[in-house]
Amino acid sequence: MKRMCAAATLSVALLGALALTTPAHAANGVVTVAGQEYHNPISCYTLPSRGPHIVDNQTDQPVYLFQSRGCMDQRGSVAPGQKFQPNYEVASFYFEK
């Protein structure tokens, strides 16, 4: 009986520890790129077309801009609360947290 209680206690402790290791959280807010809104974005987004798109970052995290699809070849970033139109083509963007 003591072994069952110890095993149950250990199982609950492990589940509690796993619950504390949550995955990355999205940025809070909205970023608008090329007229498309992305709510609480996280990770990499590839745009349907490349261009010098206006980026309006109304989140609490910086957005990183890339000239290639799949978030390769970082070119710049836009700080939280800022709006920016780069003089280069944007093909994808990325949020991290």
Protein backbone atom coordinates (compact mmCIF):
# COMPACT_ATOMS: atom_id res chain seq x y z
CA MET A 1 0.00 0.00 0.00
CA LYS A 2 2.85 2.39 0.83
CA ARG A 3 4.39 1.71 -2.59
CA MET A 4 1.11 2.62 -4.32
CA CYS A 5 0.89 5.90 -2.39
CA ALA A 6 4.51 6.71 -3.20
CA ALA A 7 3.96 5.94 -6.88
CA ALA A 8 0.80 8.05 -6.95
CA THR A 9 2.60 10.94 -5.24
CA LEU A 10 5.46 10.70 -7.71
CA SER A 11 3.03 10.64 -10.65
CA VAL A 12 1.26 13.76 -9.38
CA ALA A 13 4.61 15.51 -8.84
CA LEU A 14 5.74 14.66 -12.38
CA LEU A 15 2.46 15.89 -13.87
CA GLY A 16 2.82 19.12 -11.90
CA ALA A 17 6.36 19.60 -13.19
CA LEU A 18 5.22 18.99 -16.77
CA ALA A 19 2.44 21.54 -16.35
CA LEU A 20 5.03 24.16 -15.36
CA THR A 21 7.02 23.61 -18.55
CA THR A 22 4.55 25.27 -20.88
CA PRO A 23 5.30 25.88 -24.55
CA ALA A 24 6.31 29.29 -25.88
CA HIS A 25 3.62 31.93 -25.74
CA ALA A 26 2.40 34.06 -28.57
CA ALA A 27 2.97 37.77 -28.71
CA ASN A 28 0.00 39.66 -27.33
CA GLY A 29 -1.75 41.85 -29.87
CA VAL A 30 -2.08 42.14 -33.62
CA VAL A 31 0.46 42.59 -36.38
CA THR A 32 -0.78 43.66 -39.80
CA VAL A 33 1.37 42.81 -42.82
CA ALA A 34 0.23 43.62 -46.35
CA GLY A 35 -3.29 44.30 -45.06
CA GLN A 36 -3.61 40.87 -43.38
CA GLU A 37 -4.07 40.79 -39.58
CA TYR A 38 -2.33 38.15 -37.47
CA HIS A 39 -3.72 37.92 -33.92
CA ASN A 40 -1.39 36.86 -31.08
CA PRO A 41 1.27 35.67 -33.54
CA ILE A 42 4.04 33.21 -32.77
CA SER A 43 6.75 31.63 -34.89
CA CYS A 44 7.26 32.05 -38.66
CA TYR A 45 4.69 33.26 -41.19
CA THR A 46 5.30 33.13 -44.94
CA LEU A 47 3.42 35.76 -46.93
CA PRO A 48 1.46 34.87 -50.08
CA SER A 49 3.56 37.34 -52.08
CA ARG A 50 6.84 39.20 -51.63
CA GLY A 51 6.90 42.97 -51.54
CA PRO A 52 7.81 46.09 -49.59
CA HIS A 53 4.78 45.45 -47.38
CA ILE A 54 3.71 47.85 -44.65
CA VAL A 55 4.21 46.19 -41.25
CA ASP A 56 2.13 47.52 -38.35
CA ASN A 57 3.29 45.82 -35.15
CA GLN A 58 0.73 46.36 -32.40
CA THR A 59 2.04 43.51 -30.23
CA ASP A 60 4.27 43.41 -27.15
CA GLN A 61 7.16 41.76 -29.06
CA PRO A 62 9.43 42.80 -31.95
CA VAL A 63 8.67 41.28 -35.35
CA TYR A 64 11.64 40.12 -37.45
CA LEU A 65 11.43 40.58 -41.23
CA PHE A 66 12.95 38.27 -43.85
CA GLN A 67 13.49 38.56 -47.59
CA SER A 68 13.16 34.84 -48.16
CA ARG A 69 10.30 32.45 -47.49
CA GLY A 70 10.49 30.33 -44.36
CA CYS A 71 12.13 33.05 -42.23
CA MET A 72 15.64 32.79 -43.66
CA ASP A 73 17.93 35.76 -44.41
CA GLN A 74 16.81 38.24 -41.73
CA ARG A 75 16.70 41.75 -43.04
CA GLY A 76 15.22 43.93 -40.28
CA SER A 77 12.78 44.23 -37.42
CA VAL A 78 9.87 46.35 -36.24
CA ALA A 79 9.59 47.28 -32.57
CA PRO A 80 6.34 46.86 -30.62
CA GLY A 81 3.89 49.67 -31.32
CA GLN A 82 5.66 50.74 -34.52
CA LYS A 83 4.60 50.89 -38.16
CA PHE A 84 7.20 50.47 -40.90
CA GLN A 85 7.42 50.15 -44.67
CA PRO A 86 10.79 48.70 -45.64
CA ASN A 87 12.59 49.61 -48.85
CA TYR A 88 13.12 45.89 -49.52
CA GLU A 89 10.83 42.95 -50.23
CA VAL A 90 9.45 41.02 -47.27
CA ALA A 91 8.59 37.35 -47.87
CA SER A 92 8.16 36.17 -44.28
CA PHE A 93 8.20 37.38 -40.69
CA TYR A 94 8.86 35.85 -37.28
CA PHE A 95 7.95 36.31 -33.62
CA GLU A 96 9.81 34.64 -30.81
CA LYS A 97 9.10 34.23 -27.16
